[in-house]
Amino acid sequence: MATVKGVQVLLALAAITAIAHGATTTHLQFYMHDTVTPSTAKPATAMRVVRGPTPSPGNSINRFGDMYAIDDPLTDAPDDDAASRAVVGRAQGFYLMASRAADQLLLSVNMVFTAGKHNGSSVAVHGRDAIFDEVRELPVLGGTGGFRGAAGYVLIRTHSFNASNNNAVLKVDMYLSV
């Protein structure tokens, strides 16, 4: 069992290693707009591509095994009014209803940045998203462009969710070491 002093030494060594290798920490904050049910103002950005066989308890829309392909806009603000927010990228990938007993997803997505100083860079995120938890933490698997070799994590919070149509806006805080 590690002692407190031993853990402190390991943390200090990790910090020294990061500094020695020129790693910097970047915090990005943006909003992911997942539109399952389109309207005249908003086209669908998530499409069910697999329909699971078993209804999820308490969820009339989703089933265990449902898979959605996504190409969700990433914006600098949560507003529905497109004029008051800027698109900074796209979340491209899929999510899978991965639990028979609860609304928990497997989220596998590339966050592709298309504007600002991170234009042309991307970050790969893959992990469990317990969608009704207040805060969900998912790992960053790597990145490209300015985020090549990135490590870190993403904190996801639900900004808004409409249970009748499954449309959601998620607040994303991304912490990267590059």
Protein backbone atom coordinates (compact mmCIF):
# COMPACT_ATOMS: atom_id res chain seq x y z
CA MET A 1 0.00 0.00 0.00
CA ALA A 2 1.45 3.34 -1.02
CA THR A 3 2.13 5.88 1.67
CA VAL A 4 0.99 9.47 1.39
CA LYS A 5 4.62 10.55 1.05
CA GLY A 6 5.14 7.97 -1.71
CA VAL A 7 2.11 9.25 -3.62
CA GLN A 8 3.34 12.84 -3.24
CA VAL A 9 6.72 11.84 -4.67
CA LEU A 10 5.06 10.13 -7.65
CA LEU A 11 2.89 13.19 -8.34
CA ALA A 12 5.93 15.46 -8.16
CA LEU A 13 7.83 13.21 -10.57
CA ALA A 14 4.89 13.22 -12.99
CA ALA A 15 4.75 17.03 -12.89
CA ILE A 16 8.52 17.30 -13.46
CA THR A 17 8.30 14.86 -16.38
CA ALA A 18 5.49 16.89 -17.98
CA ILE A 19 7.46 20.11 -17.58
CA ALA A 20 10.64 18.53 -18.91
CA HIS A 21 8.83 17.31 -22.00
CA GLY A 22 7.24 20.69 -22.62
CA ALA A 23 3.68 19.56 -21.94
CA THR A 24 1.11 22.28 -21.57
CA THR A 25 -2.39 22.04 -20.19
CA THR A 26 -5.27 23.34 -22.27
CA HIS A 27 -8.85 23.81 -21.07
CA LEU A 28 -11.53 24.04 -23.74
CA GLN A 29 -15.21 24.67 -23.06
CA PHE A 30 -17.92 24.26 -25.68
CA TYR A 31 -21.42 22.91 -26.23
CA MET A 32 -22.44 19.81 -28.18
CA HIS A 33 -25.89 19.98 -29.84
CA ASP A 34 -27.34 16.47 -30.32
CA THR A 35 -30.52 16.65 -32.41
CA VAL A 36 -32.22 13.25 -32.73
CA THR A 37 -35.64 14.59 -33.76
CA PRO A 38 -35.39 17.27 -36.45
CA SER A 39 -37.54 20.36 -36.83
CA THR A 40 -37.81 22.95 -39.57
CA ALA A 41 -35.19 25.06 -37.76
CA LYS A 42 -32.82 22.19 -36.81
CA PRO A 43 -31.88 19.24 -38.98
CA ALA A 44 -31.11 15.91 -37.32
CA THR A 45 -27.46 15.53 -36.32
CA ALA A 46 -27.92 12.08 -34.74
CA MET A 47 -29.40 9.16 -36.64
CA ARG A 48 -30.32 5.77 -35.20
CA VAL A 49 -28.50 3.21 -37.37
CA VAL A 50 -29.21 0.10 -35.25
CA ARG A 51 -32.44 -0.65 -33.39
CA GLY A 52 -31.90 -2.80 -30.29
CA PRO A 53 -34.20 -5.71 -29.44
CA THR A 54 -34.97 -4.91 -25.78
CA PRO A 55 -36.89 -1.82 -24.55
CA SER A 56 -35.04 0.18 -21.90
CA PRO A 57 -36.91 0.43 -18.58
CA GLY A 58 -38.74 3.76 -18.32
CA ASN A 59 -37.56 4.90 -21.77
CA SER A 60 -40.12 4.66 -24.57
CA ILE A 61 -37.69 5.90 -27.25
CA ASN A 62 -34.43 3.99 -26.72
CA ARG A 63 -33.64 0.29 -26.47
CA PHE A 64 -30.62 -1.63 -25.24
CA GLY A 65 -28.36 -1.94 -28.29
CA ASP A 66 -29.59 1.18 -30.12
CA MET A 67 -26.72 2.87 -31.94
CA TYR A 68 -26.74 6.44 -33.16
CA ALA A 69 -24.27 7.88 -35.68
CA ILE A 70 -23.60 11.53 -34.89
CA ASP A 71 -22.27 14.64 -36.58
CA ASP A 72 -23.19 17.18 -33.89
CA PRO A 73 -22.17 20.84 -34.04
CA LEU A 74 -19.86 22.12 -31.30
CA THR A 75 -20.54 25.74 -30.41
CA ASP A 76 -19.20 28.42 -28.10
CA ALA A 77 -22.63 28.95 -26.46
CA PRO A 78 -25.67 26.81 -25.67
CA ASP A 79 -28.24 29.08 -27.31
CA ASP A 80 -30.67 27.63 -29.84
CA ASP A 81 -30.43 30.84 -31.85
CA ALA A 82 -27.74 30.16 -34.45
CA ALA A 83 -27.07 33.90 -34.79
CA SER A 84 -25.94 34.17 -31.15
CA ARG A 85 -23.41 31.33 -31.21
CA ALA A 86 -20.43 30.32 -33.30
CA VAL A 87 -19.77 26.79 -34.55
CA VAL A 88 -16.25 25.79 -33.46
CA GLY A 89 -16.29 22.18 -34.65
CA ARG A 90 -18.14 18.88 -34.98
CA ALA A 91 -18.54 15.80 -32.77
CA GLN A 92 -18.36 12.92 -35.22
CA GLY A 93 -18.76 9.28 -34.19
CA PHE A 94 -21.41 7.22 -32.45
CA TYR A 95 -23.10 6.39 -29.18
CA LEU A 96 -24.53 3.05 -28.20
CA MET A 97 -27.17 2.32 -25.55
CA ALA A 98 -24.85 0.03 -23.61
CA SER A 99 -26.88 -0.91 -20.52
CA ARG A 100 -30.00 -3.04 -20.24
CA ALA A 101 -30.92 -1.52 -16.89
CA ALA A 102 -30.19 2.20 -17.20
CA ASP A 103 -29.56 5.01 -19.65
CA GLN A 104 -25.82 4.59 -20.03
CA LEU A 105 -24.05 5.08 -23.32
CA LEU A 106 -20.78 4.07 -24.85
CA LEU A 107 -19.68 7.32 -26.50
CA SER A 108 -16.98 7.14 -29.15
CA VAL A 109 -16.41 10.47 -30.84
CA ASN A 110 -13.84 12.64 -32.57
CA MET A 111 -14.13 16.28 -31.56
CA VAL A 112 -13.01 17.99 -34.79
CA PHE A 113 -12.26 21.69 -34.46
CA THR A 114 -13.06 23.81 -37.53
CA ALA A 115 -12.60 27.38 -36.28
CA GLY A 116 -10.32 29.51 -34.16
CA LYS A 117 -6.79 28.68 -33.07
CA HIS A 118 -7.55 24.92 -32.92
CA ASN A 119 -8.87 24.77 -36.51
CA GLY A 120 -7.71 21.52 -38.12
CA SER A 121 -7.05 19.71 -34.84
CA SER A 122 -9.11 16.91 -33.31
CA VAL A 123 -9.42 14.97 -30.07
CA ALA A 124 -10.63 11.37 -29.70
CA VAL A 125 -12.94 10.65 -26.75
CA HIS A 126 -14.18 7.17 -25.84
CA GLY A 127 -15.93 5.97 -22.70
CA ARG A 128 -19.02 5.39 -20.59
CA ASP A 129 -21.55 8.23 -20.42
CA ALA A 130 -24.16 7.73 -17.66
CA ILE A 131 -26.38 10.40 -19.18
CA PHE A 132 -28.44 11.19 -16.08
CA ASP A 133 -25.42 11.71 -13.80
CA GLU A 134 -24.81 15.39 -13.11
CA VAL A 135 -21.19 15.19 -14.33
CA ARG A 136 -19.67 12.46 -16.47
CA GLU A 137 -15.91 11.98 -16.97
CA LEU A 138 -14.63 10.38 -20.17
CA PRO A 139 -11.02 9.79 -21.19
CA VAL A 140 -9.23 11.46 -24.09
CA LEU A 141 -7.44 8.82 -26.14
CA GLY A 142 -5.32 11.15 -28.26
CA GLY A 143 -5.44 13.91 -30.79
CA THR A 144 -4.27 15.25 -34.13
CA GLY A 145 -2.87 18.55 -35.38
CA GLY A 146 -2.15 20.91 -32.47
CA PHE A 147 -3.40 18.19 -30.12
CA ARG A 148 -1.12 15.40 -31.44
CA GLY A 149 -0.21 13.13 -28.53
CA ALA A 150 -2.83 14.68 -26.24
CA ALA A 151 -3.89 13.01 -23.02
CA GLY A 152 -6.60 14.15 -20.69
CA TYR A 153 -10.26 13.94 -19.91
CA VAL A 154 -13.63 15.45 -20.71
CA LEU A 155 -16.31 16.47 -18.22
CA ILE A 156 -19.80 16.42 -19.70
CA ARG A 157 -22.85 18.07 -18.12
CA THR A 158 -26.35 18.11 -19.60
CA HIS A 159 -27.29 21.73 -20.29
CA SER A 160 -30.74 20.82 -21.64
CA PHE A 161 -32.59 17.62 -22.51
CA ASN A 162 -36.04 17.02 -24.02
CA ALA A 163 -37.20 13.53 -22.99
CA SER A 164 -40.01 13.50 -25.56
CA ASN A 165 -37.67 13.78 -28.56
CA ASN A 166 -34.19 12.94 -27.10
CA ASN A 167 -32.70 16.27 -28.25
CA ALA A 168 -29.96 17.51 -25.93
CA VAL A 169 -27.36 20.22 -25.49
CA LEU A 170 -24.29 19.13 -23.54
CA LYS A 171 -21.72 21.38 -21.89
CA VAL A 172 -18.23 19.98 -22.49
CA ASP A 173 -15.15 20.92 -20.45
CA MET A 174 -12.05 19.35 -22.01
CA TYR A 175 -8.70 19.23 -20.19
CA LEU A 176 -5.72 18.29 -22.35
CA SER A 177 -2.02 17.85 -21.77
CA VAL A 178 -0.06 18.16 -24.97
